[in-house]
């Protein structure tokens, strides 16, 4: 005869297994979020929270410690458009952008075309030399270039046989800062472009060569369309980087002479950490964000027509 307690043991075991299975199912569904939690925490602390706080602060007048004192709504934004320094910084930034973006793209493409073909001993050397500026911090680069720009003992004046006041002359100051920025960004541009060029199928190039297509036509009609997604990313990155340039401006010219090199990134720093007007600086930051957002949206609209994904 089967004991009576065995009759009730089966349902208990079944319920236990069901609960265990349900718990495992919940843990399985939670696993991706547990892996994402550290990254989400970092993003929340260093990106989302500062962004939200900047939006809130842009509508307030603060004290010298950044504590919110009086809500003024859009007054900080309206005051910016009455400020001659802010208007000048916007004009300087719009002039500075093509001075950085266009040479960086052209030089990066030329360097990528030079290093495109793999040569046993030469390729590693050229790759290291061309990408080396990317490993240098903007502060360190600015100090080195400041010595090169020195009017009496600088390398540039010695090589060119001139005596230019590179950083204190209104005609050359912005160009000098742009030159340093191009040097800093060209390594990053080179790495992405040379990687894209090396991914172009060799069969296409060989077919074009057999059909009598020259090197220039191969670049224009085959290579550039094939690496258009990479070009799109590089253009997007360089545009944003030129708007956000700060370290080289701070160490080379400090916005001078006058307001010749007063970029948006540097005037935000001055407004916040020297003038202690954190509300106004937050409003400037939001306007810079909206400007970059509008450029990004225009680029993505252009992407649908000009970018080819193979």
C-alpha atoms as a PDB file:
ATOM      1  CA  UNK A   1       0.000   0.000   0.000  1.00  0.00           C
ATOM      2  CA  UNK A   2       1.261   3.472  -0.927  1.00  0.00           C
ATOM      3  CA  UNK A   3       1.587   5.806   2.053  1.00  0.00           C
ATOM      4  CA  UNK A   4      -0.889   8.641   2.239  1.00  0.00           C
ATOM      5  CA  UNK A   5       1.784  11.367   2.493  1.00  0.00           C
ATOM      6  CA  UNK A   6       3.167  10.369  -0.929  1.00  0.00           C
ATOM      7  CA  UNK A   7      -0.154  11.252  -2.476  1.00  0.00           C
ATOM      8  CA  UNK A   8       0.275  14.907  -1.604  1.00  0.00           C
ATOM      9  CA  UNK A   9       3.999  15.132  -2.337  1.00  0.00           C
ATOM     10  CA  UNK A  10       3.605  15.316  -6.110  1.00  0.00           C
ATOM     11  CA  UNK A  11       1.584  18.547  -6.230  1.00  0.00           C
ATOM     12  CA  UNK A  12       4.016  20.196  -3.769  1.00  0.00           C
ATOM     13  CA  UNK A  13       6.998  19.286  -5.953  1.00  0.00           C
ATOM     14  CA  UNK A  14       5.133  20.540  -9.018  1.00  0.00           C
ATOM     15  CA  UNK A  15       4.400  23.859  -7.377  1.00  0.00           C
ATOM     16  CA  UNK A  16       8.025  24.191  -6.267  1.00  0.00           C
ATOM     17  CA  UNK A  17       9.256  23.539  -9.779  1.00  0.00           C
ATOM     18  CA  UNK A  18       6.765  26.019 -11.202  1.00  0.00           C
ATOM     19  CA  UNK A  19       7.901  28.711  -8.770  1.00  0.00           C
ATOM     20  CA  UNK A  20      11.562  27.957  -9.537  1.00  0.00           C
ATOM     21  CA  UNK A  21      10.896  28.116 -13.245  1.00  0.00           C
ATOM     22  CA  UNK A  22       9.015  31.376 -12.855  1.00  0.00           C
ATOM     23  CA  UNK A  23      11.896  32.850 -10.823  1.00  0.00           C
ATOM     24  CA  UNK A  24      14.408  31.742 -13.444  1.00  0.00           C
ATOM     25  CA  UNK A  25      12.252  33.293 -16.149  1.00  0.00           C
ATOM     26  CA  UNK A  26      12.167  36.633 -14.325  1.00  0.00           C
ATOM     27  CA  UNK A  27      15.932  36.523 -13.805  1.00  0.00           C
ATOM     28  CA  UNK A  28      16.421  35.672 -17.474  1.00  0.00           C
ATOM     29  CA  UNK A  29      14.386  38.699 -18.520  1.00  0.00           C
ATOM     30  CA  UNK A  30      16.259  40.935 -16.073  1.00  0.00           C
ATOM     31  CA  UNK A  31      19.727  39.780 -17.153  1.00  0.00           C
ATOM     32  CA  UNK A  32      20.170  42.300 -20.040  1.00  0.00           C
ATOM     33  CA  UNK A  33      19.144  45.189 -17.784  1.00  0.00           C
ATOM     34  CA  UNK A  34      21.578  44.063 -15.095  1.00  0.00           C
ATOM     35  CA  UNK A  35      24.402  44.127 -17.649  1.00  0.00           C
ATOM     36  CA  UNK A  36      23.291  47.576 -18.844  1.00  0.00           C
ATOM     37  CA  UNK A  37      22.877  48.983 -15.330  1.00  0.00           C
ATOM     38  CA  UNK A  38      26.515  50.161 -14.837  1.00  0.00           C
ATOM     39  CA  UNK A  39      26.560  51.954 -18.200  1.00  0.00           C
ATOM     40  CA  UNK A  40      23.125  53.472 -17.601  1.00  0.00           C
ATOM     41  CA  UNK A  41      24.275  54.663 -14.176  1.00  0.00           C
ATOM     42  CA  UNK A  42      27.351  56.343 -15.667  1.00  0.00           C
ATOM     43  CA  UNK A  43      25.275  57.962 -18.421  1.00  0.00           C
ATOM     44  CA  UNK A  44      22.706  59.144 -15.890  1.00  0.00           C
ATOM     45  CA  UNK A  45      25.352  60.689 -13.627  1.00  0.00           C
ATOM     46  CA  UNK A  46      27.570  62.332 -16.238  1.00  0.00           C
ATOM     47  CA  UNK A  47      25.220  62.980 -19.192  1.00  0.00           C
ATOM     48  CA  UNK A  48      21.512  62.954 -18.402  1.00  0.00           C
ATOM     49  CA  UNK A  49      21.608  64.641 -14.991  1.00  0.00           C
ATOM     50  CA  UNK A  50      23.958  67.496 -16.099  1.00  0.00           C
ATOM     51  CA  UNK A  51      21.867  67.994 -19.236  1.00  0.00           C
ATOM     52  CA  UNK A  52      18.620  68.273 -17.275  1.00  0.00           C
ATOM     53  CA  UNK A  53      20.265  70.527 -14.698  1.00  0.00           C
ATOM     54  CA  UNK A  54      21.582  72.784 -17.494  1.00  0.00           C
ATOM     55  CA  UNK A  55      18.057  73.126 -18.888  1.00  0.00           C
ATOM     56  CA  UNK A  56      16.719  74.052 -15.439  1.00  0.00           C
ATOM     57  CA  UNK A  57      19.594  76.419 -14.644  1.00  0.00           C
ATOM     58  CA  UNK A  58      19.174  78.288 -17.933  1.00  0.00           C
ATOM     59  CA  UNK A  59      15.893  79.678 -16.623  1.00  0.00           C
ATOM     60  CA  UNK A  60      17.327  81.010 -13.351  1.00  0.00           C
ATOM     61  CA  UNK A  61      19.645  83.651 -11.959  1.00  0.00           C
ATOM     62  CA  UNK A  62      22.224  82.024  -9.675  1.00  0.00           C
ATOM     63  CA  UNK A  63      24.655  83.178  -7.034  1.00  0.00           C
ATOM     64  CA  UNK A  64      28.435  82.813  -7.240  1.00  0.00           C
ATOM     65  CA  UNK A  65      28.214  79.161  -6.136  1.00  0.00           C
ATOM     66  CA  UNK A  66      25.676  78.220  -8.792  1.00  0.00           C
ATOM     67  CA  UNK A  67      22.704  77.963  -6.418  1.00  0.00           C
ATOM     68  CA  UNK A  68      19.388  78.855  -8.049  1.00  0.00           C
ATOM     69  CA  UNK A  69      18.014  82.144  -6.708  1.00  0.00           C
ATOM     70  CA  UNK A  70      15.407  83.620  -9.034  1.00  0.00           C
ATOM     71  CA  UNK A  71      13.382  82.174 -11.873  1.00  0.00           C
ATOM     72  CA  UNK A  72      13.525  84.435 -14.950  1.00  0.00           C
ATOM     73  CA  UNK A  73      12.177  82.138 -17.654  1.00  0.00           C
ATOM     74  CA  UNK A  74      13.579  82.947 -21.090  1.00  0.00           C
ATOM     75  CA  UNK A  75      15.228  86.189 -19.978  1.00  0.00           C
ATOM     76  CA  UNK A  76      18.705  84.632 -20.059  1.00  0.00           C
ATOM     77  CA  UNK A  77      18.161  83.592 -23.672  1.00  0.00           C
ATOM     78  CA  UNK A  78      16.856  87.002 -24.696  1.00  0.00           C
ATOM     79  CA  UNK A  79      19.796  88.745 -23.025  1.00  0.00           C
ATOM     80  CA  UNK A  80      22.224  86.668 -25.067  1.00  0.00           C
ATOM     81  CA  UNK A  81      20.933  88.096 -28.327  1.00  0.00           C
ATOM     82  CA  UNK A  82      21.502  91.587 -26.921  1.00  0.00           C
ATOM     83  CA  UNK A  83      25.076  90.727 -25.920  1.00  0.00           C
ATOM     84  CA  UNK A  84      27.703  91.860 -28.469  1.00  0.00           C
ATOM     85  CA  UNK A  85      30.222  89.348 -27.084  1.00  0.00           C
ATOM     86  CA  UNK A  86      27.873  86.422 -27.647  1.00  0.00           C
ATOM     87  CA  UNK A  87      27.091  87.569 -31.186  1.00  0.00           C
ATOM     88  CA  UNK A  88      30.803  87.948 -31.871  1.00  0.00           C
ATOM     89  CA  UNK A  89      31.526  84.472 -30.487  1.00  0.00           C
ATOM     90  CA  UNK A  90      28.842  83.017 -32.734  1.00  0.00           C
ATOM     91  CA  UNK A  91      30.365  84.716 -35.800  1.00  0.00           C
ATOM     92  CA  UNK A  92      33.869  83.609 -34.817  1.00  0.00           C
ATOM     93  CA  UNK A  93      32.685  80.016 -34.393  1.00  0.00           C
ATOM     94  CA  UNK A  94      30.965  80.040 -37.786  1.00  0.00           C
ATOM     95  CA  UNK A  95      34.215  81.319 -39.344  1.00  0.00           C
ATOM     96  CA  UNK A  96      36.286  78.847 -37.372  1.00  0.00           C
ATOM     97  CA  UNK A  97      34.219  75.813 -38.427  1.00  0.00           C
ATOM     98  CA  UNK A  98      35.141  75.748 -42.163  1.00  0.00           C
ATOM     99  CA  UNK A  99      38.754  76.643 -41.340  1.00  0.00           C
ATOM    100  CA  UNK A 100      38.945  73.398 -39.364  1.00  0.00           C
ATOM    101  CA  UNK A 101      36.468  71.100 -41.053  1.00  0.00           C
ATOM    102  CA  UNK A 102      37.534  71.461 -44.708  1.00  0.00           C
ATOM    103  CA  UNK A 103      41.350  71.126 -44.284  1.00  0.00           C
ATOM    104  CA  UNK A 104      40.888  68.228 -41.835  1.00  0.00           C
ATOM    105  CA  UNK A 105      38.758  66.312 -44.325  1.00  0.00           C
ATOM    106  CA  UNK A 106      41.071  67.013 -47.278  1.00  0.00           C
ATOM    107  CA  UNK A 107      44.279  66.175 -45.406  1.00  0.00           C
ATOM    108  CA  UNK A 108      42.743  63.077 -43.846  1.00  0.00           C
ATOM    109  CA  UNK A 109      41.638  61.842 -47.270  1.00  0.00           C
ATOM    110  CA  UNK A 110      45.058  62.489 -48.839  1.00  0.00           C
ATOM    111  CA  UNK A 111      46.798  60.674 -45.995  1.00  0.00           C
ATOM    112  CA  UNK A 112      44.346  57.784 -46.269  1.00  0.00           C
ATOM    113  CA  UNK A 113      44.947  57.481 -50.016  1.00  0.00           C
ATOM    114  CA  UNK A 114      48.709  57.429 -49.416  1.00  0.00           C
ATOM    115  CA  UNK A 115      48.454  54.696 -46.774  1.00  0.00           C
ATOM    116  CA  UNK A 116      45.634  52.769 -48.463  1.00  0.00           C
ATOM    117  CA  UNK A 117      47.783  50.027 -49.977  1.00  0.00           C
ATOM    118  CA  UNK A 118      49.450  47.752 -47.452  1.00  0.00           C
ATOM    119  CA  UNK A 119      53.243  47.705 -47.781  1.00  0.00           C
ATOM    120  CA  UNK A 120      55.106  45.219 -45.608  1.00  0.00           C
ATOM    121  CA  UNK A 121      57.379  47.607 -43.692  1.00  0.00           C
ATOM    122  CA  UNK A 122      56.215  51.036 -44.783  1.00  0.00           C
ATOM    123  CA  UNK A 123      52.508  50.792 -43.845  1.00  0.00           C
ATOM    124  CA  UNK A 124      52.985  50.444 -40.056  1.00  0.00           C
ATOM    125  CA  UNK A 125      55.303  53.464 -40.044  1.00  0.00           C
ATOM    126  CA  UNK A 126      52.948  55.689 -42.043  1.00  0.00           C
ATOM    127  CA  UNK A 127      49.946  54.578 -39.994  1.00  0.00           C
ATOM    128  CA  UNK A 128      51.673  55.471 -36.729  1.00  0.00           C
ATOM    129  CA  UNK A 129      52.949  58.823 -38.035  1.00  0.00           C
ATOM    130  CA  UNK A 130      49.603  59.855 -39.528  1.00  0.00           C
ATOM    131  CA  UNK A 131      47.529  58.840 -36.498  1.00  0.00           C
ATOM    132  CA  UNK A 132      49.966  60.058 -33.832  1.00  0.00           C
ATOM    133  CA  UNK A 133      48.273  63.469 -33.239  1.00  0.00           C
ATOM    134  CA  UNK A 134      45.154  61.650 -32.047  1.00  0.00           C
ATOM    135  CA  UNK A 135      47.087  60.360 -29.028  1.00  0.00           C
ATOM    136  CA  UNK A 136      48.108  63.883 -27.927  1.00  0.00           C
ATOM    137  CA  UNK A 137      45.875  65.811 -25.546  1.00  0.00           C
ATOM    138  CA  UNK A 138      44.741  69.244 -26.691  1.00  0.00           C
ATOM    139  CA  UNK A 139      46.432  70.907 -23.700  1.00  0.00           C
ATOM    140  CA  UNK A 140      49.800  69.297 -24.452  1.00  0.00           C
ATOM    141  CA  UNK A 141      49.487  70.070 -28.154  1.00  0.00           C
ATOM    142  CA  UNK A 142      48.619  73.690 -27.435  1.00  0.00           C
ATOM    143  CA  UNK A 143      51.722  74.144 -25.274  1.00  0.00           C
ATOM    144  CA  UNK A 144      53.986  72.643 -27.949  1.00  0.00           C
ATOM    145  CA  UNK A 145      52.420  74.715 -30.701  1.00  0.00           C
ATOM    146  CA  UNK A 146      52.622  77.844 -28.574  1.00  0.00           C
ATOM    147  CA  UNK A 147      56.393  77.398 -28.538  1.00  0.00           C
ATOM    148  CA  UNK A 148      56.343  76.860 -32.309  1.00  0.00           C
ATOM    149  CA  UNK A 149      54.328  80.075 -32.769  1.00  0.00           C
ATOM    150  CA  UNK A 150      56.739  82.170 -30.676  1.00  0.00           C
ATOM    151  CA  UNK A 151      57.571  85.349 -32.640  1.00  0.00           C
ATOM    152  CA  UNK A 152      61.332  85.295 -32.009  1.00  0.00           C
ATOM    153  CA  UNK A 153      62.387  81.705 -31.229  1.00  0.00           C
ATOM    154  CA  UNK A 154      59.502  79.793 -32.769  1.00  0.00           C
ATOM    155  CA  UNK A 155      60.066  77.093 -35.384  1.00  0.00           C
ATOM    156  CA  UNK A 156      57.481  78.465 -37.824  1.00  0.00           C
ATOM    157  CA  UNK A 157      59.068  81.900 -38.140  1.00  0.00           C
ATOM    158  CA  UNK A 158      62.510  80.293 -38.387  1.00  0.00           C
ATOM    159  CA  UNK A 159      61.461  77.956 -41.217  1.00  0.00           C
ATOM    160  CA  UNK A 160      59.432  80.590 -43.080  1.00  0.00           C
ATOM    161  CA  UNK A 161      61.966  83.370 -42.489  1.00  0.00           C
ATOM    162  CA  UNK A 162      59.281  85.663 -41.070  1.00  0.00           C
ATOM    163  CA  UNK A 163      58.539  87.460 -37.813  1.00  0.00           C
ATOM    164  CA  UNK A 164      54.779  87.023 -37.549  1.00  0.00           C
ATOM    165  CA  UNK A 165      53.033  87.553 -34.236  1.00  0.00           C
ATOM    166  CA  UNK A 166      50.979  84.428 -34.831  1.00  0.00           C
ATOM    167  CA  UNK A 167      48.900  84.480 -31.655  1.00  0.00           C
ATOM    168  CA  UNK A 168      48.638  88.210 -31.017  1.00  0.00           C
ATOM    169  CA  UNK A 169      47.901  89.463 -34.523  1.00  0.00           C
ATOM    170  CA  UNK A 170      44.205  89.742 -35.422  1.00  0.00           C
ATOM    171  CA  UNK A 171      44.940  88.514 -38.936  1.00  0.00           C
ATOM    172  CA  UNK A 172      46.663  85.285 -37.897  1.00  0.00           C
ATOM    173  CA  UNK A 173      45.323  84.377 -34.432  1.00  0.00           C
ATOM    174  CA  UNK A 174      42.217  82.489 -35.548  1.00  0.00           C
ATOM    175  CA  UNK A 175      44.175  80.789 -38.324  1.00  0.00           C
ATOM    176  CA  UNK A 176      46.769  79.638 -35.782  1.00  0.00           C
ATOM    177  CA  UNK A 177      44.142  78.109 -33.495  1.00  0.00           C
ATOM    178  CA  UNK A 178      42.507  76.442 -36.510  1.00  0.00           C
ATOM    179  CA  UNK A 179      45.881  75.001 -37.564  1.00  0.00           C
ATOM    180  CA  UNK A 180      46.363  73.373 -34.160  1.00  0.00           C
ATOM    181  CA  UNK A 181      42.801  72.026 -34.218  1.00  0.00           C
ATOM    182  CA  UNK A 182      43.304  70.533 -37.684  1.00  0.00           C
ATOM    183  CA  UNK A 183      46.509  68.867 -36.494  1.00  0.00           C
ATOM    184  CA  UNK A 184      44.647  67.386 -33.517  1.00  0.00           C
ATOM    185  CA  UNK A 185      41.711  66.030 -35.531  1.00  0.00           C
ATOM    186  CA  UNK A 186      43.394  64.823 -38.702  1.00  0.00           C
ATOM    187  CA  UNK A 187      44.662  61.593 -37.110  1.00  0.00           C
ATOM    188  CA  UNK A 188      41.148  60.519 -36.144  1.00  0.00           C
ATOM    189  CA  UNK A 189      39.894  61.340 -39.631  1.00  0.00           C
ATOM    190  CA  UNK A 190      42.752  59.408 -41.225  1.00  0.00           C
ATOM    191  CA  UNK A 191      42.083  56.227 -39.236  1.00  0.00           C
ATOM    192  CA  UNK A 192      38.448  55.998 -40.269  1.00  0.00           C
ATOM    193  CA  UNK A 193      39.036  56.921 -43.902  1.00  0.00           C
ATOM    194  CA  UNK A 194      41.936  54.522 -44.438  1.00  0.00           C
ATOM    195  CA  UNK A 195      39.878  51.736 -42.856  1.00  0.00           C
ATOM    196  CA  UNK A 196      36.997  52.511 -45.198  1.00  0.00           C
ATOM    197  CA  UNK A 197      39.238  52.604 -48.270  1.00  0.00           C
ATOM    198  CA  UNK A 198      40.773  49.242 -47.416  1.00  0.00           C
ATOM    199  CA  UNK A 199      37.283  47.730 -47.291  1.00  0.00           C
ATOM    200  CA  UNK A 200      36.532  48.674 -50.904  1.00  0.00           C
ATOM    201  CA  UNK A 201      36.411  45.403 -52.909  1.00  0.00           C
ATOM    202  CA  UNK A 202      39.576  44.937 -54.949  1.00  0.00           C
ATOM    203  CA  UNK A 203      37.506  43.429 -57.776  1.00  0.00           C
ATOM    204  CA  UNK A 204      35.859  46.785 -58.446  1.00  0.00           C
ATOM    205  CA  UNK A 205      39.204  48.568 -58.705  1.00  0.00           C
ATOM    206  CA  UNK A 206      40.634  45.879 -60.982  1.00  0.00           C
ATOM    207  CA  UNK A 207      37.578  45.986 -63.248  1.00  0.00           C
ATOM    208  CA  UNK A 208      37.791  49.763 -63.450  1.00  0.00           C
ATOM    209  CA  UNK A 209      41.488  49.586 -64.317  1.00  0.00           C
ATOM    210  CA  UNK A 210      40.824  47.067 -67.095  1.00  0.00           C
ATOM    211  CA  UNK A 211      38.135  49.382 -68.482  1.00  0.00           C
ATOM    212  CA  UNK A 212      40.679  52.225 -68.676  1.00  0.00           C
ATOM    213  CA  UNK A 213      39.485  54.133 -65.592  1.00  0.00           C
ATOM    214  CA  UNK A 214      42.275  56.328 -64.216  1.00  0.00           C
ATOM    215  CA  UNK A 215      43.218  56.770 -60.568  1.00  0.00           C
ATOM    216  CA  UNK A 216      41.268  60.023 -60.173  1.00  0.00           C
ATOM    217  CA  UNK A 217      38.094  58.587 -61.688  1.00  0.00           C
ATOM    218  CA  UNK A 218      38.428  55.526 -59.470  1.00  0.00           C
ATOM    219  CA  UNK A 219      38.527  57.777 -56.407  1.00  0.00           C
ATOM    220  CA  UNK A 220      35.569  59.915 -57.471  1.00  0.00           C
ATOM    221  CA  UNK A 221      33.270  57.248 -58.926  1.00  0.00           C
ATOM    222  CA  UNK A 222      34.163  54.129 -56.941  1.00  0.00           C
ATOM    223  CA  UNK A 223      36.032  54.745 -53.704  1.00  0.00           C
ATOM    224  CA  UNK A 224      34.178  57.819 -52.435  1.00  0.00           C
ATOM    225  CA  UNK A 225      30.685  56.345 -53.034  1.00  0.00           C
ATOM    226  CA  UNK A 226      31.748  53.074 -51.407  1.00  0.00           C
ATOM    227  CA  UNK A 227      33.013  54.807 -48.254  1.00  0.00           C
ATOM    228  CA  UNK A 228      30.157  57.337 -48.094  1.00  0.00           C
ATOM    229  CA  UNK A 229      28.939  56.036 -44.676  1.00  0.00           C
ATOM    230  CA  UNK A 230      32.439  56.568 -43.266  1.00  0.00           C
ATOM    231  CA  UNK A 231      32.628  59.998 -44.876  1.00  0.00           C
ATOM    232  CA  UNK A 232      29.276  60.899 -43.365  1.00  0.00           C
ATOM    233  CA  UNK A 233      30.481  59.962 -39.879  1.00  0.00           C
ATOM    234  CA  UNK A 234      33.804  61.811 -40.277  1.00  0.00           C
ATOM    235  CA  UNK A 235      32.062  64.958 -41.522  1.00  0.00           C
ATOM    236  CA  UNK A 236      29.619  64.804 -38.625  1.00  0.00           C
ATOM    237  CA  UNK A 237      32.406  64.320 -36.079  1.00  0.00           C
ATOM    238  CA  UNK A 238      34.611  67.129 -37.419  1.00  0.00           C
ATOM    239  CA  UNK A 239      31.750  69.614 -37.530  1.00  0.00           C
ATOM    240  CA  UNK A 240      30.849  68.978 -33.903  1.00  0.00           C
ATOM    241  CA  UNK A 241      34.492  68.970 -32.789  1.00  0.00           C
ATOM    242  CA  UNK A 242      35.098  72.357 -34.428  1.00  0.00           C
ATOM    243  CA  UNK A 243      32.141  73.838 -32.538  1.00  0.00           C
ATOM    244  CA  UNK A 244      33.344  72.415 -29.229  1.00  0.00           C
ATOM    245  CA  UNK A 245      36.994  73.492 -29.451  1.00  0.00           C
ATOM    246  CA  UNK A 246      38.086  74.861 -26.099  1.00  0.00           C
ATOM    247  CA  UNK A 247      41.465  73.657 -24.786  1.00  0.00           C
ATOM    248  CA  UNK A 248      43.567  75.080 -27.591  1.00  0.00           C
ATOM    249  CA  UNK A 249      41.725  78.425 -27.445  1.00  0.00           C
ATOM    250  CA  UNK A 250      42.193  78.616 -23.674  1.00  0.00           C
ATOM    251  CA  UNK A 251      45.931  77.930 -23.793  1.00  0.00           C
ATOM    252  CA  UNK A 252      46.900  79.697 -27.018  1.00  0.00           C
ATOM    253  CA  UNK A 253      44.947  82.955 -27.193  1.00  0.00           C
ATOM    254  CA  UNK A 254      42.366  83.084 -24.358  1.00  0.00           C
ATOM    255  CA  UNK A 255      39.886  84.484 -26.847  1.00  0.00           C
ATOM    256  CA  UNK A 256      42.161  87.298 -27.959  1.00  0.00           C
ATOM    257  CA  UNK A 257      43.448  89.511 -29.350  1.00  0.00           C
ATOM    258  CA  UNK A 258      40.258  91.325 -28.464  1.00  0.00           C
ATOM    259  CA  UNK A 259      37.488  88.909 -29.405  1.00  0.00           C
ATOM    260  CA  UNK A 260      39.167  87.519 -32.525  1.00  0.00           C
ATOM    261  CA  UNK A 261      39.263  83.921 -31.247  1.00  0.00           C
ATOM    262  CA  UNK A 262      36.330  84.096 -28.821  1.00  0.00           C
ATOM    263  CA  UNK A 263      34.542  80.860 -29.722  1.00  0.00           C
ATOM    264  CA  UNK A 264      31.283  79.613 -28.235  1.00  0.00           C
ATOM    265  CA  UNK A 265      33.045  77.001 -26.144  1.00  0.00           C
ATOM    266  CA  UNK A 266      35.371  79.568 -24.617  1.00  0.00           C
ATOM    267  CA  UNK A 267      32.744  82.245 -23.927  1.00  0.00           C
ATOM    268  CA  UNK A 268      30.673  79.638 -22.055  1.00  0.00           C
ATOM    269  CA  UNK A 269      33.707  78.979 -19.881  1.00  0.00           C
ATOM    270  CA  UNK A 270      34.250  82.707 -19.258  1.00  0.00           C
ATOM    271  CA  UNK A 271      30.613  83.309 -18.415  1.00  0.00           C
ATOM    272  CA  UNK A 272      30.443  80.421 -15.958  1.00  0.00           C
ATOM    273  CA  UNK A 273      33.822  80.259 -14.233  1.00  0.00           C
ATOM    274  CA  UNK A 274      35.049  83.847 -14.431  1.00  0.00           C
ATOM    275  CA  UNK A 275      31.895  85.964 -14.473  1.00  0.00           C
ATOM    276  CA  UNK A 276      30.019  83.468 -12.225  1.00  0.00           C
ATOM    277  CA  UNK A 277      26.836  83.862 -14.273  1.00  0.00           C
ATOM    278  CA  UNK A 278      25.908  80.207 -14.405  1.00  0.00           C
ATOM    279  CA  UNK A 279      22.371  80.802 -15.641  1.00  0.00           C
ATOM    280  CA  UNK A 280      23.604  82.762 -18.642  1.00  0.00           C
ATOM    281  CA  UNK A 281      26.302  80.132 -19.332  1.00  0.00           C
ATOM    282  CA  UNK A 282      23.655  77.397 -19.193  1.00  0.00           C
ATOM    283  CA  UNK A 283      21.548  79.309 -21.716  1.00  0.00           C
ATOM    284  CA  UNK A 284      24.591  79.579 -24.001  1.00  0.00           C
ATOM    285  CA  UNK A 285      25.160  75.843 -23.650  1.00  0.00           C
ATOM    286  CA  UNK A 286      21.563  75.114 -24.619  1.00  0.00           C
ATOM    287  CA  UNK A 287      21.816  77.352 -27.679  1.00  0.00           C
ATOM    288  CA  UNK A 288      25.014  75.562 -28.690  1.00  0.00           C
ATOM    289  CA  UNK A 289      23.200  72.254 -28.219  1.00  0.00           C
ATOM    290  CA  UNK A 290      20.298  73.412 -30.397  1.00  0.00           C
ATOM    291  CA  UNK A 291      22.733  74.610 -33.058  1.00  0.00           C
ATOM    292  CA  UNK A 292      24.512  71.250 -33.118  1.00  0.00           C
ATOM    293  CA  UNK A 293      21.173  69.437 -33.109  1.00  0.00           C
ATOM    294  CA  UNK A 294      19.976  71.383 -36.155  1.00  0.00           C
ATOM    295  CA  UNK A 295      23.219  70.609 -38.002  1.00  0.00           C
ATOM    296  CA  UNK A 296      22.857  66.931 -37.077  1.00  0.00           C
ATOM    297  CA  UNK A 297      19.270  66.779 -38.340  1.00  0.00           C
ATOM    298  CA  UNK A 298      20.290  68.404 -41.621  1.00  0.00           C
ATOM    299  CA  UNK A 299      23.118  65.904 -41.997  1.00  0.00           C
ATOM    300  CA  UNK A 300      20.826  62.945 -41.405  1.00  0.00           C
ATOM    301  CA  UNK A 301      18.396  64.297 -43.972  1.00  0.00           C
ATOM    302  CA  UNK A 302      21.249  64.577 -46.444  1.00  0.00           C
ATOM    303  CA  UNK A 303      22.347  61.040 -45.515  1.00  0.00           C
ATOM    304  CA  UNK A 304      19.222  59.564 -47.116  1.00  0.00           C
ATOM    305  CA  UNK A 305      20.226  60.992 -50.497  1.00  0.00           C
ATOM    306  CA  UNK A 306      24.020  61.039 -50.438  1.00  0.00           C
ATOM    307  CA  UNK A 307      25.049  57.959 -48.443  1.00  0.00           C
ATOM    308  CA  UNK A 308      25.299  54.560 -50.101  1.00  0.00           C
ATOM    309  CA  UNK A 309      25.211  51.454 -47.918  1.00  0.00           C
ATOM    310  CA  UNK A 310      26.516  48.416 -49.769  1.00  0.00           C
END
